[in-house]
Amino acid sequence: MKPFAVISTLLAGAMVLGEAGAALPVKGDMAKGKQIVSQICFACHGLDGNGTEPTNPEFPKLAGKQAGYLLKQLNDIKSGRRKDEIMSGIVANLSADDMANVAVYFAAQKNKPNKVKNPELLEFGKKYYSEGNSEVGVPACYGCHQPDAGGTDVYPHLAGQHAAYTYKQLKRFSTGERENDRGLVMQSLSMRMSEAEMKAVSEYIMSIK
């Protein structure tokens, strides 16, 4: 089977999973979420969810991300499905309500644009995001994450995310260290990406407002 046929099959499966298991609107208390964030989360993610760039860009921006996606990540970390040494110790002390409250709070915050650090990567990054790499069977990123990187009910909002964090997650997916993606799509795609492609698309994603 050709690379694109394999990837298309995986994407189709993931879409079915996503549609069948599409998250219901997360019910939470933003005021309680803000209180938790101000006590626990702000040092790494910022009070408004825009992270601590440039002091530690490997910690993700959470502002404006879908509440359902954020809650899924918290639950996956708590259950051990997503490995994260720092976050696992933090979510261990959070209840289901706490995580829902934090998710709706961060989702309601406005994502702020980042300053591009490596503008020479943008042209290639934009081309890769828009076209993928047909030679190895990687489709355009916007097919799932949308042209504006705003995401959907199934796939996460990426626009403005720290390049260092996006690159780090692509590497983790490619090695199998992270495996909580729907239908193993991101693992299958990232393992076909070169270092240059990962860095360029990460920089481009950070530039999207």
C-alpha atoms as a PDB file:
ATOM      1  CA  MET A   1       0.000   0.000   0.000  1.00  0.00           C
ATOM      2  CA  LYS A   2       1.317   3.437  -0.955  1.00  0.00           C
ATOM      3  CA  PRO A   3       2.162   5.968   1.807  1.00  0.00           C
ATOM      4  CA  PHE A   4      -0.783   8.236   1.047  1.00  0.00           C
ATOM      5  CA  ALA A   5      -3.171   5.282   1.081  1.00  0.00           C
ATOM      6  CA  VAL A   6      -1.916   4.258   4.525  1.00  0.00           C
ATOM      7  CA  ILE A   7      -2.211   7.781   5.909  1.00  0.00           C
ATOM      8  CA  SER A   8      -5.641   8.286   4.345  1.00  0.00           C
ATOM      9  CA  THR A   9      -6.864   5.116   6.022  1.00  0.00           C
ATOM     10  CA  LEU A  10      -5.542   6.295   9.378  1.00  0.00           C
ATOM     11  CA  LEU A  11      -7.078   9.740   8.965  1.00  0.00           C
ATOM     12  CA  ALA A  12     -10.424   8.266   8.028  1.00  0.00           C
ATOM     13  CA  GLY A  13     -10.331   6.044  11.088  1.00  0.00           C
ATOM     14  CA  ALA A  14      -9.413   8.941  13.317  1.00  0.00           C
ATOM     15  CA  MET A  15     -12.244  11.047  11.918  1.00  0.00           C
ATOM     16  CA  VAL A  16     -14.715   8.271  12.653  1.00  0.00           C
ATOM     17  CA  LEU A  17     -13.356   8.003  16.171  1.00  0.00           C
ATOM     18  CA  GLY A  18     -13.501  11.740  16.535  1.00  0.00           C
ATOM     19  CA  GLU A  19     -17.059  12.053  15.288  1.00  0.00           C
ATOM     20  CA  ALA A  20     -18.305   9.101  17.300  1.00  0.00           C
ATOM     21  CA  GLY A  21     -16.511  10.245  20.413  1.00  0.00           C
ATOM     22  CA  ALA A  22     -16.776  13.983  19.914  1.00  0.00           C
ATOM     23  CA  ALA A  23     -16.522  15.615  23.286  1.00  0.00           C
ATOM     24  CA  LEU A  24     -19.637  17.171  24.714  1.00  0.00           C
ATOM     25  CA  PRO A  25     -19.313  20.789  25.841  1.00  0.00           C
ATOM     26  CA  VAL A  26     -17.243  20.884  29.005  1.00  0.00           C
ATOM     27  CA  LYS A  27     -19.165  22.152  32.002  1.00  0.00           C
ATOM     28  CA  GLY A  28     -17.000  24.051  34.441  1.00  0.00           C
ATOM     29  CA  ASP A  29     -16.743  27.096  36.653  1.00  0.00           C
ATOM     30  CA  MET A  30     -14.356  29.686  35.214  1.00  0.00           C
ATOM     31  CA  ALA A  31     -14.020  31.534  38.525  1.00  0.00           C
ATOM     32  CA  LYS A  32     -12.936  28.356  40.272  1.00  0.00           C
ATOM     33  CA  GLY A  33     -10.697  27.534  37.329  1.00  0.00           C
ATOM     34  CA  LYS A  34      -8.969  30.897  37.599  1.00  0.00           C
ATOM     35  CA  GLN A  35      -8.378  30.323  41.297  1.00  0.00           C
ATOM     36  CA  ILE A  36      -6.697  26.989  40.606  1.00  0.00           C
ATOM     37  CA  VAL A  37      -4.633  28.493  37.788  1.00  0.00           C
ATOM     38  CA  SER A  38      -3.474  31.357  40.012  1.00  0.00           C
ATOM     39  CA  GLN A  39      -2.310  28.883  42.638  1.00  0.00           C
ATOM     40  CA  ILE A  40      -0.913  26.012  40.577  1.00  0.00           C
ATOM     41  CA  CYS A  41      -0.670  26.605  36.835  1.00  0.00           C
ATOM     42  CA  PHE A  42       0.450  30.198  36.338  1.00  0.00           C
ATOM     43  CA  ALA A  43       4.177  29.703  36.906  1.00  0.00           C
ATOM     44  CA  CYS A  44       4.497  27.581  33.757  1.00  0.00           C
ATOM     45  CA  HIS A  45       1.476  28.524  31.659  1.00  0.00           C
ATOM     46  CA  GLY A  46       0.873  32.131  32.721  1.00  0.00           C
ATOM     47  CA  LEU A  47      -2.267  33.416  34.396  1.00  0.00           C
ATOM     48  CA  ASP A  48      -3.832  34.096  31.002  1.00  0.00           C
ATOM     49  CA  GLY A  49      -2.652  30.811  29.494  1.00  0.00           C
ATOM     50  CA  ASN A  50      -0.140  32.376  27.131  1.00  0.00           C
ATOM     51  CA  GLY A  51       2.801  30.659  28.727  1.00  0.00           C
ATOM     52  CA  THR A  52       6.079  32.049  29.919  1.00  0.00           C
ATOM     53  CA  GLU A  53       7.798  32.617  26.566  1.00  0.00           C
ATOM     54  CA  PRO A  54      10.619  33.442  26.228  1.00  0.00           C
ATOM     55  CA  THR A  55      11.758  32.192  29.632  1.00  0.00           C
ATOM     56  CA  ASN A  56      10.469  28.658  29.103  1.00  0.00           C
ATOM     57  CA  PRO A  57       8.865  28.137  25.691  1.00  0.00           C
ATOM     58  CA  GLU A  58       8.751  24.362  26.147  1.00  0.00           C
ATOM     59  CA  PHE A  59       5.734  24.856  28.416  1.00  0.00           C
ATOM     60  CA  PRO A  60       2.692  25.221  26.147  1.00  0.00           C
ATOM     61  CA  LYS A  61       0.345  28.099  25.625  1.00  0.00           C
ATOM     62  CA  LEU A  62      -3.150  26.996  26.664  1.00  0.00           C
ATOM     63  CA  ALA A  63      -5.142  30.164  25.980  1.00  0.00           C
ATOM     64  CA  GLY A  64      -7.912  29.641  23.460  1.00  0.00           C
ATOM     65  CA  LYS A  65      -7.413  25.903  23.150  1.00  0.00           C
ATOM     66  CA  GLN A  66     -10.627  23.883  23.047  1.00  0.00           C
ATOM     67  CA  ALA A  67     -11.891  23.002  26.522  1.00  0.00           C
ATOM     68  CA  GLY A  68     -12.590  19.443  25.416  1.00  0.00           C
ATOM     69  CA  TYR A  69      -9.056  19.021  24.144  1.00  0.00           C
ATOM     70  CA  LEU A  70      -7.533  20.480  27.316  1.00  0.00           C
ATOM     71  CA  LEU A  71      -9.674  18.254  29.503  1.00  0.00           C
ATOM     72  CA  LYS A  72      -8.700  15.202  27.450  1.00  0.00           C
ATOM     73  CA  GLN A  73      -5.018  15.967  27.935  1.00  0.00           C
ATOM     74  CA  LEU A  74      -5.448  16.419  31.679  1.00  0.00           C
ATOM     75  CA  ASN A  75      -7.355  13.145  31.927  1.00  0.00           C
ATOM     76  CA  ASP A  76      -4.784  11.338  29.759  1.00  0.00           C
ATOM     77  CA  ILE A  77      -1.943  12.589  31.946  1.00  0.00           C
ATOM     78  CA  LYS A  78      -3.807  11.659  35.117  1.00  0.00           C
ATOM     79  CA  SER A  79      -4.498   8.137  33.817  1.00  0.00           C
ATOM     80  CA  GLY A  80      -0.934   7.709  32.552  1.00  0.00           C
ATOM     81  CA  ARG A  81      -1.929   7.471  28.895  1.00  0.00           C
ATOM     82  CA  ARG A  82       0.079  10.615  28.210  1.00  0.00           C
ATOM     83  CA  LYS A  83       3.451  10.628  29.912  1.00  0.00           C
ATOM     84  CA  ASP A  84       4.599  13.886  31.508  1.00  0.00           C
ATOM     85  CA  GLU A  85       6.788  13.793  34.596  1.00  0.00           C
ATOM     86  CA  ILE A  86       5.967  17.338  35.686  1.00  0.00           C
ATOM     87  CA  MET A  87       2.252  17.372  34.960  1.00  0.00           C
ATOM     88  CA  SER A  88       1.524  13.903  36.336  1.00  0.00           C
ATOM     89  CA  GLY A  89       2.423  15.046  39.829  1.00  0.00           C
ATOM     90  CA  ILE A  90       0.249  18.136  39.482  1.00  0.00           C
ATOM     91  CA  VAL A  91      -2.916  16.538  38.096  1.00  0.00           C
ATOM     92  CA  ALA A  92      -2.727  13.750  40.667  1.00  0.00           C
ATOM     93  CA  ASN A  93      -4.130  16.229  43.180  1.00  0.00           C
ATOM     94  CA  LEU A  94      -6.853  17.616  40.904  1.00  0.00           C
ATOM     95  CA  SER A  95     -10.417  16.301  40.920  1.00  0.00           C
ATOM     96  CA  ALA A  96     -12.534  15.820  37.800  1.00  0.00           C
ATOM     97  CA  ASP A  97     -14.308  19.094  38.588  1.00  0.00           C
ATOM     98  CA  ASP A  98     -10.990  20.885  39.113  1.00  0.00           C
ATOM     99  CA  MET A  99      -9.747  19.792  35.688  1.00  0.00           C
ATOM    100  CA  ALA A 100     -12.988  20.813  33.998  1.00  0.00           C
ATOM    101  CA  ASN A 101     -12.834  24.215  35.694  1.00  0.00           C
ATOM    102  CA  VAL A 102      -9.254  24.771  34.562  1.00  0.00           C
ATOM    103  CA  ALA A 103     -10.088  23.643  31.011  1.00  0.00           C
ATOM    104  CA  VAL A 104     -12.993  26.077  30.567  1.00  0.00           C
ATOM    105  CA  TYR A 105     -10.965  28.908  32.101  1.00  0.00           C
ATOM    106  CA  PHE A 106      -8.003  28.510  29.741  1.00  0.00           C
ATOM    107  CA  ALA A 107     -10.318  27.978  26.760  1.00  0.00           C
ATOM    108  CA  ALA A 108     -11.933  31.353  27.438  1.00  0.00           C
ATOM    109  CA  GLN A 109      -8.635  33.246  27.415  1.00  0.00           C
ATOM    110  CA  LYS A 110      -7.393  35.079  24.331  1.00  0.00           C
ATOM    111  CA  ASN A 111      -4.424  33.595  22.522  1.00  0.00           C
ATOM    112  CA  LYS A 112      -1.730  36.233  22.051  1.00  0.00           C
ATOM    113  CA  PRO A 113       0.645  36.193  19.063  1.00  0.00           C
ATOM    114  CA  ASN A 114       4.282  35.274  19.504  1.00  0.00           C
ATOM    115  CA  LYS A 115       7.313  36.939  18.007  1.00  0.00           C
ATOM    116  CA  VAL A 116       8.923  34.800  15.333  1.00  0.00           C
ATOM    117  CA  LYS A 117      12.497  33.846  16.170  1.00  0.00           C
ATOM    118  CA  ASN A 118      13.564  32.210  12.921  1.00  0.00           C
ATOM    119  CA  PRO A 119      11.850  34.037  10.031  1.00  0.00           C
ATOM    120  CA  GLU A 120      13.990  32.202   7.501  1.00  0.00           C
ATOM    121  CA  LEU A 121      11.964  29.046   8.297  1.00  0.00           C
ATOM    122  CA  LEU A 122       8.540  30.572   7.622  1.00  0.00           C
ATOM    123  CA  GLU A 123       8.341  30.115   3.865  1.00  0.00           C
ATOM    124  CA  PHE A 124       9.207  26.424   4.054  1.00  0.00           C
ATOM    125  CA  GLY A 125       7.031  25.987   7.159  1.00  0.00           C
ATOM    126  CA  LYS A 126       4.013  27.546   5.459  1.00  0.00           C
ATOM    127  CA  LYS A 127       4.497  25.380   2.377  1.00  0.00           C
ATOM    128  CA  TYR A 128       4.742  22.252   4.518  1.00  0.00           C
ATOM    129  CA  TYR A 129       1.689  23.192   6.588  1.00  0.00           C
ATOM    130  CA  SER A 130      -0.290  23.845   3.409  1.00  0.00           C
ATOM    131  CA  GLU A 131       0.942  20.939   1.293  1.00  0.00           C
ATOM    132  CA  GLY A 132       2.612  18.316   3.476  1.00  0.00           C
ATOM    133  CA  ASN A 133       5.102  16.007   1.782  1.00  0.00           C
ATOM    134  CA  SER A 134       3.535  13.744  -0.825  1.00  0.00           C
ATOM    135  CA  GLU A 135       6.781  11.825  -1.372  1.00  0.00           C
ATOM    136  CA  VAL A 136       6.502  10.200   2.059  1.00  0.00           C
ATOM    137  CA  GLY A 137       2.735  10.311   2.397  1.00  0.00           C
ATOM    138  CA  VAL A 138       2.270  13.246   4.764  1.00  0.00           C
ATOM    139  CA  PRO A 139      -0.824  15.321   3.890  1.00  0.00           C
ATOM    140  CA  ALA A 140      -1.285  19.018   4.582  1.00  0.00           C
ATOM    141  CA  CYS A 141      -1.516  19.905   8.266  1.00  0.00           C
ATOM    142  CA  TYR A 142      -4.488  22.162   7.630  1.00  0.00           C
ATOM    143  CA  GLY A 143      -6.565  19.154   6.602  1.00  0.00           C
ATOM    144  CA  CYS A 144      -7.115  18.469  10.300  1.00  0.00           C
ATOM    145  CA  HIS A 145      -6.055  21.671  12.042  1.00  0.00           C
ATOM    146  CA  GLN A 146      -7.630  24.112   9.525  1.00  0.00           C
ATOM    147  CA  PRO A 147      -5.903  26.760   7.377  1.00  0.00           C
ATOM    148  CA  ASP A 148      -5.823  29.213  10.289  1.00  0.00           C
ATOM    149  CA  ALA A 149      -4.630  26.491  12.692  1.00  0.00           C
ATOM    150  CA  GLY A 150      -7.794  27.096  14.702  1.00  0.00           C
ATOM    151  CA  GLY A 151      -8.577  23.409  15.002  1.00  0.00           C
ATOM    152  CA  THR A 152     -11.967  21.696  15.226  1.00  0.00           C
ATOM    153  CA  ASP A 153     -14.016  19.828  17.813  1.00  0.00           C
ATOM    154  CA  VAL A 154     -11.697  16.876  17.179  1.00  0.00           C
ATOM    155  CA  TYR A 155      -8.303  18.390  16.383  1.00  0.00           C
ATOM    156  CA  PRO A 156      -6.621  21.028  18.560  1.00  0.00           C
ATOM    157  CA  HIS A 157      -6.089  24.729  18.018  1.00  0.00           C
ATOM    158  CA  LEU A 158      -2.387  25.275  17.225  1.00  0.00           C
ATOM    159  CA  ALA A 159      -2.091  28.914  16.157  1.00  0.00           C
ATOM    160  CA  GLY A 160       0.550  30.851  18.077  1.00  0.00           C
ATOM    161  CA  GLN A 161       1.852  27.858  20.004  1.00  0.00           C
ATOM    162  CA  HIS A 162       5.492  28.130  21.074  1.00  0.00           C
ATOM    163  CA  ALA A 163       7.676  26.622  18.351  1.00  0.00           C
ATOM    164  CA  ALA A 164       9.831  24.841  20.924  1.00  0.00           C
ATOM    165  CA  TYR A 165       6.783  23.102  22.395  1.00  0.00           C
ATOM    166  CA  THR A 166       5.333  22.069  19.033  1.00  0.00           C
ATOM    167  CA  TYR A 167       8.701  20.717  17.925  1.00  0.00           C
ATOM    168  CA  LYS A 168       9.071  18.812  21.192  1.00  0.00           C
ATOM    169  CA  GLN A 169       5.661  17.168  20.766  1.00  0.00           C
ATOM    170  CA  LEU A 170       6.374  16.209  17.160  1.00  0.00           C
ATOM    171  CA  LYS A 171       9.567  14.537  18.321  1.00  0.00           C
ATOM    172  CA  ARG A 172       7.715  12.705  21.083  1.00  0.00           C
ATOM    173  CA  PHE A 173       5.056  11.501  18.673  1.00  0.00           C
ATOM    174  CA  SER A 174       7.694  10.371  16.183  1.00  0.00           C
ATOM    175  CA  THR A 175       9.494   8.213  18.755  1.00  0.00           C
ATOM    176  CA  GLY A 176       6.328   6.822  20.301  1.00  0.00           C
ATOM    177  CA  GLU A 177       7.038   8.567  23.590  1.00  0.00           C
ATOM    178  CA  ARG A 178       3.681  10.308  23.192  1.00  0.00           C
ATOM    179  CA  GLU A 179       0.862   8.088  21.982  1.00  0.00           C
ATOM    180  CA  ASN A 180      -2.417   9.627  23.109  1.00  0.00           C
ATOM    181  CA  ASP A 181      -3.350  10.969  19.666  1.00  0.00           C
ATOM    182  CA  ARG A 182      -6.571   9.860  18.007  1.00  0.00           C
ATOM    183  CA  GLY A 183      -6.073   6.766  15.891  1.00  0.00           C
ATOM    184  CA  LEU A 184      -2.275   7.099  16.120  1.00  0.00           C
ATOM    185  CA  VAL A 185      -2.435   9.687  13.331  1.00  0.00           C
ATOM    186  CA  MET A 186       0.221  12.011  14.723  1.00  0.00           C
ATOM    187  CA  GLN A 187       2.615   9.162  15.398  1.00  0.00           C
ATOM    188  CA  SER A 188       2.217   7.897  11.849  1.00  0.00           C
ATOM    189  CA  LEU A 189       2.727  11.347  10.355  1.00  0.00           C
ATOM    190  CA  SER A 190       5.530  12.664  12.540  1.00  0.00           C
ATOM    191  CA  MET A 191       7.679   9.583  12.060  1.00  0.00           C
ATOM    192  CA  ARG A 192       7.803  10.544   8.365  1.00  0.00           C
ATOM    193  CA  MET A 193       8.935  14.098   9.072  1.00  0.00           C
ATOM    194  CA  SER A 194      12.525  15.295   8.940  1.00  0.00           C
ATOM    195  CA  GLU A 195      14.110  17.515  11.587  1.00  0.00           C
ATOM    196  CA  ALA A 196      14.022  20.434   9.157  1.00  0.00           C
ATOM    197  CA  GLU A 197      10.312  19.912   8.460  1.00  0.00           C
ATOM    198  CA  MET A 198       9.457  19.715  12.153  1.00  0.00           C
ATOM    199  CA  LYS A 199      11.345  22.902  12.956  1.00  0.00           C
ATOM    200  CA  ALA A 200       9.970  24.845   9.996  1.00  0.00           C
ATOM    201  CA  VAL A 201       6.323  23.915  10.528  1.00  0.00           C
ATOM    202  CA  SER A 202       6.652  24.616  14.253  1.00  0.00           C
ATOM    203  CA  GLU A 203       7.973  28.094  13.521  1.00  0.00           C
ATOM    204  CA  TYR A 204       5.201  28.731  11.004  1.00  0.00           C
ATOM    205  CA  ILE A 205       2.506  27.614  13.453  1.00  0.00           C
ATOM    206  CA  MET A 206       3.905  30.025  16.032  1.00  0.00           C
ATOM    207  CA  SER A 207       3.584  32.861  13.508  1.00  0.00           C
ATOM    208  CA  ILE A 208      -0.118  32.279  12.862  1.00  0.00           C
ATOM    209  CA  LYS A 209      -2.351  34.788  14.646  1.00  0.00           C
END
